[in-house]
Amino acid sequence: MIDDRDGDEPFDDDIVALALAASAARLDPSPDVRRRLMARLEPAPPAGFAIYRANDEGWMPHPVPGIRMKVLALNRRGGYAVLLLDVAPGTRFPAHHHDAAEECYVLSGSLHTCDRRLGPGDFVHADSGTDHAELWTEEGCRVLIVGPVDEHLS
């Protein structure tokens, strides 16, 4: 190290490092870079487990405009899928027939079905062979669906 000061005092390396760190501009990584860096820091889930975060990639368009979905689990042998649906405000889901049983759990927002307004924590079950009238949401909602693979992923 070159010391062109008068006197015999050496530089204090810790103070110099702190001064340099304090003078450096703080740069936040982009959301994509941050996500990739954080993914490297998190341990992988144990074998046989899958973890999906709500804002991760993997959203797919749904056949009904205003809905996007994420397949959380697919059990072809059991014949069911677990789906996360993100439904935009004002979306209407047309009347339909249930060939197999289906469960729907409202996570956020609200959903109108069976002449009721369902909110967070509410649940509806449809038996196999039932006809479902139109569903809609005014404010948007996020729902968890457990239903037959053929009806949701054809």
N, C-alpha and C. Protein backbone atom coordinates (compact mmCIF):
# COMPACT_ATOMS: atom_id res chain seq x y z
N MET A 1 0.84 -1.15 0.00
CA MET A 1 0.00 0.00 0.00
C MET A 1 0.90 1.23 0.00
N ILE A 2 0.52 2.20 -0.80
CA ILE A 2 1.28 3.46 -0.86
C ILE A 2 0.67 4.43 0.12
N ASP A 3 1.48 4.98 0.98
CA ASP A 3 1.02 5.94 1.99
C ASP A 3 1.80 7.22 1.75
N ASP A 4 1.14 8.21 1.12
CA ASP A 4 1.86 9.45 0.85
C ASP A 4 1.49 10.54 1.86
N ARG A 5 1.00 10.12 3.03
CA ARG A 5 0.70 11.08 4.09
C ARG A 5 1.98 11.34 4.89
N ASP A 6 1.98 12.47 5.53
CA ASP A 6 3.10 12.76 6.43
C ASP A 6 2.86 12.01 7.73
N GLY A 7 3.83 11.45 8.29
CA GLY A 7 3.70 10.77 9.57
C GLY A 7 3.79 9.27 9.39
N ASP A 8 3.75 8.61 10.53
CA ASP A 8 3.94 7.17 10.52
C ASP A 8 2.66 6.38 10.73
N GLU A 9 1.48 7.04 10.78
CA GLU A 9 0.24 6.31 11.03
C GLU A 9 -0.19 5.55 9.79
N PRO A 10 -0.45 4.25 9.93
CA PRO A 10 -0.95 3.48 8.78
C PRO A 10 -2.45 3.74 8.58
N PHE A 11 -2.92 3.44 7.37
CA PHE A 11 -4.36 3.53 7.12
C PHE A 11 -5.09 2.49 7.96
N ASP A 12 -6.28 2.83 8.41
CA ASP A 12 -7.14 1.86 9.11
C ASP A 12 -8.00 1.20 8.03
N ASP A 13 -7.66 -0.04 7.66
CA ASP A 13 -8.34 -0.73 6.56
C ASP A 13 -9.84 -0.85 6.79
N ASP A 14 -10.28 -1.06 8.03
CA ASP A 14 -11.71 -1.19 8.31
C ASP A 14 -12.45 0.12 8.03
N ILE A 15 -11.84 1.25 8.41
CA ILE A 15 -12.47 2.55 8.17
C ILE A 15 -12.52 2.85 6.68
N VAL A 16 -11.46 2.52 5.96
CA VAL A 16 -11.45 2.72 4.51
C VAL A 16 -12.53 1.87 3.85
N ALA A 17 -12.66 0.61 4.26
CA ALA A 17 -13.68 -0.27 3.68
C ALA A 17 -15.08 0.26 3.96
N LEU A 18 -15.33 0.72 5.17
CA LEU A 18 -16.64 1.30 5.52
C LEU A 18 -16.92 2.55 4.70
N ALA A 19 -15.92 3.40 4.52
CA ALA A 19 -16.09 4.62 3.75
C ALA A 19 -16.41 4.30 2.28
N LEU A 20 -15.72 3.33 1.73
CA LEU A 20 -15.98 2.93 0.34
C LEU A 20 -17.38 2.33 0.20
N ALA A 21 -17.76 1.49 1.14
CA ALA A 21 -19.09 0.88 1.09
C ALA A 21 -20.17 1.94 1.20
N ALA A 22 -19.99 2.90 2.08
CA ALA A 22 -20.99 3.96 2.27
C ALA A 22 -21.09 4.86 1.04
N SER A 23 -20.02 5.01 0.30
CA SER A 23 -20.04 5.90 -0.85
C SER A 23 -20.58 5.21 -2.11
N ALA A 24 -20.67 3.89 -2.09
CA ALA A 24 -21.14 3.15 -3.26
C ALA A 24 -22.64 3.35 -3.42
N ALA A 25 -23.10 3.48 -4.65
CA ALA A 25 -24.54 3.62 -4.92
C ALA A 25 -25.22 2.28 -4.67
N ARG A 26 -26.42 2.34 -4.06
CA ARG A 26 -27.17 1.10 -3.80
C ARG A 26 -27.96 0.77 -5.06
N LEU A 27 -27.75 -0.41 -5.59
CA LEU A 27 -28.46 -0.86 -6.78
C LEU A 27 -29.32 -2.06 -6.40
N ASP A 28 -30.63 -1.95 -6.61
CA ASP A 28 -31.52 -3.07 -6.37
C ASP A 28 -31.61 -3.90 -7.64
N PRO A 29 -31.54 -5.23 -7.51
CA PRO A 29 -31.65 -6.07 -8.70
C PRO A 29 -33.08 -6.02 -9.24
N SER A 30 -33.24 -6.34 -10.50
CA SER A 30 -34.58 -6.41 -11.10
C SER A 30 -35.34 -7.55 -10.40
N PRO A 31 -36.67 -7.55 -10.45
CA PRO A 31 -37.44 -8.63 -9.83
C PRO A 31 -37.05 -10.01 -10.34
N ASP A 32 -36.76 -10.12 -11.65
CA ASP A 32 -36.37 -11.42 -12.20
C ASP A 32 -35.02 -11.87 -11.64
N VAL A 33 -34.05 -10.96 -11.59
CA VAL A 33 -32.73 -11.31 -11.05
C VAL A 33 -32.86 -11.68 -9.56
N ARG A 34 -33.65 -10.90 -8.83
CA ARG A 34 -33.86 -11.20 -7.39
C ARG A 34 -34.48 -12.58 -7.21
N ARG A 35 -35.50 -12.93 -8.03
CA ARG A 35 -36.16 -14.23 -7.93
C ARG A 35 -35.16 -15.36 -8.20
N ARG A 36 -34.32 -15.19 -9.24
CA ARG A 36 -33.35 -16.23 -9.56
C ARG A 36 -32.29 -16.38 -8.47
N LEU A 37 -31.86 -15.25 -7.91
CA LEU A 37 -30.87 -15.32 -6.83
C LEU A 37 -31.46 -15.99 -5.59
N MET A 38 -32.70 -15.61 -5.23
CA MET A 38 -33.33 -16.21 -4.06
C MET A 38 -33.57 -17.70 -4.26
N ALA A 39 -33.90 -18.11 -5.49
CA ALA A 39 -34.11 -19.53 -5.77
C ALA A 39 -32.83 -20.32 -5.53
N ARG A 40 -31.69 -19.70 -5.79
CA ARG A 40 -30.42 -20.38 -5.56
C ARG A 40 -30.12 -20.54 -4.06
N LEU A 41 -30.63 -19.62 -3.25
CA LEU A 41 -30.37 -19.65 -1.82
C LEU A 41 -31.28 -20.62 -1.08
N GLU A 42 -32.51 -20.82 -1.60
CA GLU A 42 -33.45 -21.70 -0.94
C GLU A 42 -33.10 -23.15 -1.23
N PRO A 43 -33.17 -23.99 -0.21
CA PRO A 43 -32.90 -25.41 -0.47
C PRO A 43 -34.02 -26.02 -1.29
N ALA A 44 -33.69 -27.01 -2.07
CA ALA A 44 -34.70 -27.72 -2.86
C ALA A 44 -35.61 -28.49 -1.89
N PRO A 45 -36.90 -28.63 -2.24
CA PRO A 45 -37.79 -29.41 -1.37
C PRO A 45 -37.35 -30.87 -1.35
N PRO A 46 -37.72 -31.59 -0.31
CA PRO A 46 -37.34 -33.02 -0.24
C PRO A 46 -37.93 -33.80 -1.42
N ALA A 47 -37.35 -34.92 -1.73
CA ALA A 47 -37.84 -35.78 -2.82
C ALA A 47 -39.30 -36.12 -2.57
N GLY A 48 -40.11 -36.04 -3.62
CA GLY A 48 -41.52 -36.35 -3.51
C GLY A 48 -42.40 -35.16 -3.18
N PHE A 49 -41.79 -33.97 -2.98
CA PHE A 49 -42.54 -32.76 -2.65
C PHE A 49 -42.34 -31.73 -3.75
N ALA A 50 -43.35 -30.89 -3.97
CA ALA A 50 -43.25 -29.77 -4.90
C ALA A 50 -43.80 -28.55 -4.19
N ILE A 51 -43.13 -27.42 -4.33
CA ILE A 51 -43.56 -26.18 -3.71
C ILE A 51 -43.75 -25.15 -4.82
N TYR A 52 -44.93 -24.52 -4.83
CA TYR A 52 -45.23 -23.48 -5.80
C TYR A 52 -45.61 -22.22 -5.05
N ARG A 53 -45.04 -21.13 -5.42
CA ARG A 53 -45.39 -19.85 -4.81
C ARG A 53 -46.37 -19.14 -5.74
N ALA A 54 -47.27 -18.39 -5.15
CA ALA A 54 -48.37 -17.77 -5.91
C ALA A 54 -47.89 -16.90 -7.05
N ASN A 55 -46.77 -16.21 -6.90
CA ASN A 55 -46.33 -15.28 -7.94
C ASN A 55 -45.27 -15.85 -8.85
N ASP A 56 -44.96 -17.14 -8.68
CA ASP A 56 -43.98 -17.76 -9.56
C ASP A 56 -44.53 -17.88 -10.97
N GLU A 57 -43.66 -18.25 -11.87
CA GLU A 57 -44.07 -18.52 -13.25
C GLU A 57 -44.95 -19.76 -13.26
N GLY A 58 -45.53 -20.05 -14.39
CA GLY A 58 -46.34 -21.25 -14.51
C GLY A 58 -47.81 -20.97 -14.74
N TRP A 59 -48.20 -19.69 -14.77
CA TRP A 59 -49.59 -19.35 -15.05
C TRP A 59 -49.88 -19.64 -16.52
N MET A 60 -51.06 -20.20 -16.76
CA MET A 60 -51.49 -20.51 -18.13
C MET A 60 -52.84 -19.85 -18.37
N PRO A 61 -53.15 -19.55 -19.63
CA PRO A 61 -54.48 -19.01 -19.91
C PRO A 61 -55.53 -20.10 -19.70
N HIS A 62 -56.71 -19.70 -19.30
CA HIS A 62 -57.85 -20.60 -19.12
C HIS A 62 -58.75 -20.40 -20.34
N PRO A 63 -59.55 -21.38 -20.72
CA PRO A 63 -60.45 -21.19 -21.86
C PRO A 63 -61.44 -20.02 -21.67
N VAL A 64 -61.78 -19.70 -20.43
CA VAL A 64 -62.70 -18.58 -20.17
C VAL A 64 -61.86 -17.30 -20.07
N PRO A 65 -62.14 -16.30 -20.91
CA PRO A 65 -61.39 -15.03 -20.84
C PRO A 65 -61.49 -14.41 -19.44
N GLY A 66 -60.37 -13.87 -18.96
CA GLY A 66 -60.33 -13.25 -17.64
C GLY A 66 -59.84 -14.18 -16.55
N ILE A 67 -59.57 -15.42 -16.92
CA ILE A 67 -59.08 -16.39 -15.94
C ILE A 67 -57.72 -16.91 -16.38
N ARG A 68 -56.80 -16.96 -15.44
CA ARG A 68 -55.54 -17.66 -15.69
C ARG A 68 -55.43 -18.73 -14.62
N MET A 69 -54.71 -19.80 -14.92
CA MET A 69 -54.64 -20.91 -13.98
C MET A 69 -53.22 -21.44 -13.86
N LYS A 70 -53.01 -22.09 -12.74
CA LYS A 70 -51.74 -22.75 -12.48
C LYS A 70 -52.07 -24.16 -12.00
N VAL A 71 -51.49 -25.15 -12.65
CA VAL A 71 -51.68 -26.54 -12.24
C VAL A 71 -50.73 -26.82 -11.08
N LEU A 72 -51.30 -27.05 -9.90
CA LEU A 72 -50.47 -27.32 -8.72
C LEU A 72 -50.18 -28.80 -8.57
N ALA A 73 -51.13 -29.64 -8.94
CA ALA A 73 -50.93 -31.10 -8.87
C ALA A 73 -51.82 -31.75 -9.91
N LEU A 74 -51.33 -32.84 -10.45
CA LEU A 74 -52.05 -33.57 -11.47
C LEU A 74 -51.96 -35.05 -11.11
N ASN A 75 -53.09 -35.66 -10.80
CA ASN A 75 -53.12 -37.07 -10.44
C ASN A 75 -53.96 -37.80 -11.48
N ARG A 76 -53.30 -38.24 -12.54
CA ARG A 76 -54.03 -38.90 -13.63
C ARG A 76 -54.63 -40.23 -13.17
N ARG A 77 -53.93 -40.96 -12.31
CA ARG A 77 -54.47 -42.24 -11.83
C ARG A 77 -55.74 -42.00 -11.02
N GLY A 78 -55.72 -40.96 -10.18
CA GLY A 78 -56.90 -40.63 -9.39
C GLY A 78 -57.93 -39.84 -10.19
N GLY A 79 -57.52 -39.29 -11.33
CA GLY A 79 -58.43 -38.58 -12.20
C GLY A 79 -58.74 -37.15 -11.77
N TYR A 80 -57.88 -36.56 -10.95
CA TYR A 80 -58.16 -35.19 -10.51
C TYR A 80 -56.94 -34.30 -10.65
N ALA A 81 -57.24 -32.99 -10.68
CA ALA A 81 -56.20 -31.97 -10.73
C ALA A 81 -56.47 -30.96 -9.62
N VAL A 82 -55.40 -30.35 -9.12
CA VAL A 82 -55.51 -29.25 -8.16
C VAL A 82 -55.04 -28.01 -8.90
N LEU A 83 -55.93 -27.03 -9.01
CA LEU A 83 -55.67 -25.83 -9.80
C LEU A 83 -55.82 -24.58 -8.94
N LEU A 84 -54.99 -23.60 -9.23
CA LEU A 84 -55.14 -22.27 -8.65
C LEU A 84 -55.64 -21.39 -9.78
N LEU A 85 -56.81 -20.77 -9.58
CA LEU A 85 -57.37 -19.87 -10.59
C LEU A 85 -57.28 -18.44 -10.10
N ASP A 86 -56.83 -17.57 -10.96
CA ASP A 86 -56.78 -16.14 -10.70
C ASP A 86 -57.80 -15.52 -11.66
N VAL A 87 -58.88 -14.97 -11.08
CA VAL A 87 -60.01 -14.53 -11.88
C VAL A 87 -60.10 -13.00 -11.82
N ALA A 88 -60.08 -12.38 -12.97
CA ALA A 88 -60.11 -10.91 -13.06
C ALA A 88 -61.50 -10.38 -12.70
N PRO A 89 -61.55 -9.14 -12.19
CA PRO A 89 -62.84 -8.53 -11.87
C PRO A 89 -63.77 -8.52 -13.10
N GLY A 90 -65.06 -8.79 -12.84
CA GLY A 90 -66.05 -8.77 -13.90
C GLY A 90 -66.14 -10.04 -14.72
N THR A 91 -65.35 -11.04 -14.42
CA THR A 91 -65.36 -12.28 -15.20
C THR A 91 -66.61 -13.10 -14.89
N ARG A 92 -67.16 -13.71 -15.94
CA ARG A 92 -68.34 -14.58 -15.81
C ARG A 92 -67.96 -15.95 -16.36
N PHE A 93 -68.23 -16.99 -15.57
CA PHE A 93 -67.94 -18.37 -15.96
C PHE A 93 -69.27 -18.99 -16.38
N PRO A 94 -69.39 -19.49 -17.62
CA PRO A 94 -70.69 -19.95 -18.12
C PRO A 94 -71.22 -21.18 -17.36
N ALA A 95 -72.54 -21.36 -17.47
CA ALA A 95 -73.19 -22.54 -16.89
C ALA A 95 -72.52 -23.79 -17.48
N HIS A 96 -72.43 -24.84 -16.68
CA HIS A 96 -71.76 -26.06 -17.13
C HIS A 96 -72.25 -27.27 -16.34
N HIS A 97 -71.93 -28.46 -16.83
CA HIS A 97 -72.30 -29.72 -16.21
C HIS A 97 -71.07 -30.34 -15.56
N HIS A 98 -71.25 -30.92 -14.38
CA HIS A 98 -70.16 -31.62 -13.69
C HIS A 98 -70.30 -33.12 -13.93
N ASP A 99 -69.37 -33.70 -14.70
CA ASP A 99 -69.38 -35.15 -14.91
C ASP A 99 -68.79 -35.87 -13.71
N ALA A 100 -68.02 -35.16 -12.91
CA ALA A 100 -67.43 -35.72 -11.70
C ALA A 100 -67.48 -34.65 -10.61
N ALA A 101 -67.26 -35.05 -9.37
CA ALA A 101 -67.31 -34.12 -8.24
C ALA A 101 -66.20 -33.08 -8.36
N GLU A 102 -66.49 -31.89 -7.82
CA GLU A 102 -65.52 -30.79 -7.84
C GLU A 102 -65.63 -30.00 -6.55
N GLU A 103 -64.48 -29.55 -6.03
CA GLU A 103 -64.43 -28.70 -4.86
C GLU A 103 -63.80 -27.37 -5.23
N CYS A 104 -64.32 -26.30 -4.62
CA CYS A 104 -63.81 -24.95 -4.88
C CYS A 104 -63.69 -24.23 -3.54
N TYR A 105 -62.49 -23.72 -3.24
CA TYR A 105 -62.22 -23.00 -2.00
C TYR A 105 -61.78 -21.58 -2.38
N VAL A 106 -62.48 -20.58 -1.86
CA VAL A 106 -62.16 -19.19 -2.17
C VAL A 106 -61.02 -18.72 -1.27
N LEU A 107 -59.93 -18.29 -1.88
CA LEU A 107 -58.76 -17.81 -1.13
C LEU A 107 -58.82 -16.30 -0.90
N SER A 108 -59.25 -15.55 -1.93
CA SER A 108 -59.35 -14.09 -1.81
C SER A 108 -60.40 -13.59 -2.77
N GLY A 109 -60.89 -12.37 -2.51
CA GLY A 109 -61.92 -11.80 -3.35
C GLY A 109 -63.27 -12.42 -3.06
N SER A 110 -64.14 -12.41 -4.07
CA SER A 110 -65.46 -13.01 -3.89
C SER A 110 -65.92 -13.64 -5.19
N LEU A 111 -66.80 -14.62 -5.04
CA LEU A 111 -67.34 -15.40 -6.15
C LEU A 111 -68.83 -15.61 -5.90
N HIS A 112 -69.64 -15.36 -6.90
CA HIS A 112 -71.09 -15.57 -6.79
C HIS A 112 -71.45 -16.91 -7.43
N THR A 113 -72.07 -17.80 -6.64
CA THR A 113 -72.51 -19.10 -7.12
C THR A 113 -73.66 -19.60 -6.25
N CYS A 114 -74.53 -20.40 -6.83
CA CYS A 114 -75.64 -21.00 -6.08
C CYS A 114 -76.43 -19.95 -5.30
N ASP A 115 -76.66 -18.79 -5.90
CA ASP A 115 -77.39 -17.68 -5.27
C ASP A 115 -76.74 -17.18 -3.99
N ARG A 116 -75.43 -17.28 -3.91
CA ARG A 116 -74.70 -16.82 -2.73
C ARG A 116 -73.42 -16.11 -3.16
N ARG A 117 -72.98 -15.21 -2.31
CA ARG A 117 -71.68 -14.55 -2.50
C ARG A 117 -70.70 -15.25 -1.56
N LEU A 118 -69.70 -15.89 -2.12
CA LEU A 118 -68.68 -16.57 -1.33
C LEU A 118 -67.45 -15.68 -1.21
N GLY A 119 -66.87 -15.63 -0.02
CA GLY A 119 -65.67 -14.84 0.23
C GLY A 119 -64.54 -15.72 0.72
N PRO A 120 -63.43 -15.11 1.12
CA PRO A 120 -62.27 -15.87 1.58
C PRO A 120 -62.64 -16.88 2.68
N GLY A 121 -62.24 -18.12 2.47
CA GLY A 121 -62.51 -19.18 3.44
C GLY A 121 -63.77 -19.95 3.14
N ASP A 122 -64.60 -19.47 2.21
CA ASP A 122 -65.82 -20.18 1.86
C ASP A 122 -65.50 -21.30 0.87
N PHE A 123 -66.38 -22.30 0.86
CA PHE A 123 -66.14 -23.53 0.11
C PHE A 123 -67.43 -23.98 -0.54
N VAL A 124 -67.34 -24.51 -1.74
CA VAL A 124 -68.50 -25.11 -2.40
C VAL A 124 -68.09 -26.45 -3.00
N HIS A 125 -68.98 -27.44 -2.87
CA HIS A 125 -68.78 -28.77 -3.44
C HIS A 125 -69.88 -29.02 -4.45
N ALA A 126 -69.55 -29.56 -5.60
CA ALA A 126 -70.54 -29.95 -6.60
C ALA A 126 -70.43 -31.46 -6.82
N ASP A 127 -71.54 -32.16 -6.63
CA ASP A 127 -71.56 -33.61 -6.86
C ASP A 127 -71.44 -33.93 -8.34
N SER A 128 -71.01 -35.13 -8.63
CA SER A 128 -70.98 -35.63 -10.00
C SER A 128 -72.41 -35.64 -10.53
N GLY A 129 -72.58 -35.24 -11.80
CA GLY A 129 -73.89 -35.25 -12.42
C GLY A 129 -74.72 -34.00 -12.19
N THR A 130 -74.14 -32.97 -11.56
CA THR A 130 -74.90 -31.74 -11.30
C THR A 130 -74.67 -30.71 -12.40
N ASP A 131 -75.66 -29.83 -12.54
CA ASP A 131 -75.55 -28.71 -13.46
C ASP A 131 -75.29 -27.45 -12.65
N HIS A 132 -74.31 -26.69 -13.09
CA HIS A 132 -73.89 -25.50 -12.36
C HIS A 132 -74.34 -24.28 -13.16
N ALA A 133 -75.09 -23.38 -12.53
CA ALA A 133 -75.48 -22.13 -13.18
C ALA A 133 -74.23 -21.26 -13.34
N GLU A 134 -74.39 -20.15 -14.06
CA GLU A 134 -73.28 -19.22 -14.28
C GLU A 134 -72.68 -18.75 -12.95
N LEU A 135 -71.37 -18.62 -12.91
CA LEU A 135 -70.66 -18.06 -11.76
C LEU A 135 -70.08 -16.73 -12.21
N TRP A 136 -69.88 -15.79 -11.28
CA TRP A 136 -69.26 -14.52 -11.64
C TRP A 136 -68.59 -13.89 -10.43
N THR A 137 -67.73 -12.94 -10.73
CA THR A 137 -67.07 -12.17 -9.69
C THR A 137 -67.06 -10.71 -10.08
N GLU A 138 -67.41 -9.86 -9.14
CA GLU A 138 -67.38 -8.42 -9.40
C GLU A 138 -65.99 -7.85 -9.14
N GLU A 139 -65.37 -8.28 -8.05
CA GLU A 139 -64.08 -7.71 -7.63
C GLU A 139 -62.88 -8.55 -8.03
N GLY A 140 -63.12 -9.74 -8.57
CA GLY A 140 -62.04 -10.66 -8.86
C GLY A 140 -61.86 -11.61 -7.69
N CYS A 141 -61.18 -12.70 -7.93
CA CYS A 141 -60.95 -13.66 -6.85
C CYS A 141 -59.82 -14.60 -7.22
N ARG A 142 -59.36 -15.30 -6.22
CA ARG A 142 -58.39 -16.38 -6.40
C ARG A 142 -59.00 -17.58 -5.70
N VAL A 143 -59.12 -18.70 -6.44
CA VAL A 143 -59.76 -19.90 -5.90
C VAL A 143 -58.89 -21.12 -6.13
N LEU A 144 -59.03 -22.07 -5.24
CA LEU A 144 -58.36 -23.36 -5.35
C LEU A 144 -59.43 -24.36 -5.78
N ILE A 145 -59.18 -25.06 -6.87
CA ILE A 145 -60.14 -26.03 -7.42
C ILE A 145 -59.51 -27.41 -7.36
N VAL A 146 -60.29 -28.39 -6.89
CA VAL A 146 -59.91 -29.79 -6.99
C VAL A 146 -61.02 -30.43 -7.81
N GLY A 147 -60.66 -30.87 -9.00
CA GLY A 147 -61.68 -31.40 -9.89
C GLY A 147 -61.11 -32.36 -10.91
N PRO A 148 -61.99 -32.92 -11.74
CA PRO A 148 -61.57 -33.92 -12.71
C PRO A 148 -60.62 -33.36 -13.77
N VAL A 149 -59.62 -34.13 -14.08
CA VAL A 149 -58.61 -33.73 -15.08
C VAL A 149 -59.29 -33.42 -16.41
N ASP A 150 -60.19 -34.28 -16.86
CA ASP A 150 -60.80 -34.13 -18.19
C ASP A 150 -61.60 -32.83 -18.32
N GLU A 151 -62.23 -32.37 -17.25
CA GLU A 151 -63.04 -31.15 -17.33
C GLU A 151 -62.20 -29.89 -17.31
N HIS A 152 -61.01 -29.96 -16.74
CA HIS A 152 -60.20 -28.75 -16.57
C HIS A 152 -58.99 -28.68 -17.48
N LEU A 153 -58.50 -29.80 -17.92
CA LEU A 153 -57.24 -29.79 -18.68
C LEU A 153 -57.37 -30.56 -20.00
N SER A 154 -58.48 -30.39 -20.68
CA SER A 154 -58.64 -31.09 -21.96
C SER A 154 -58.02 -30.32 -23.08
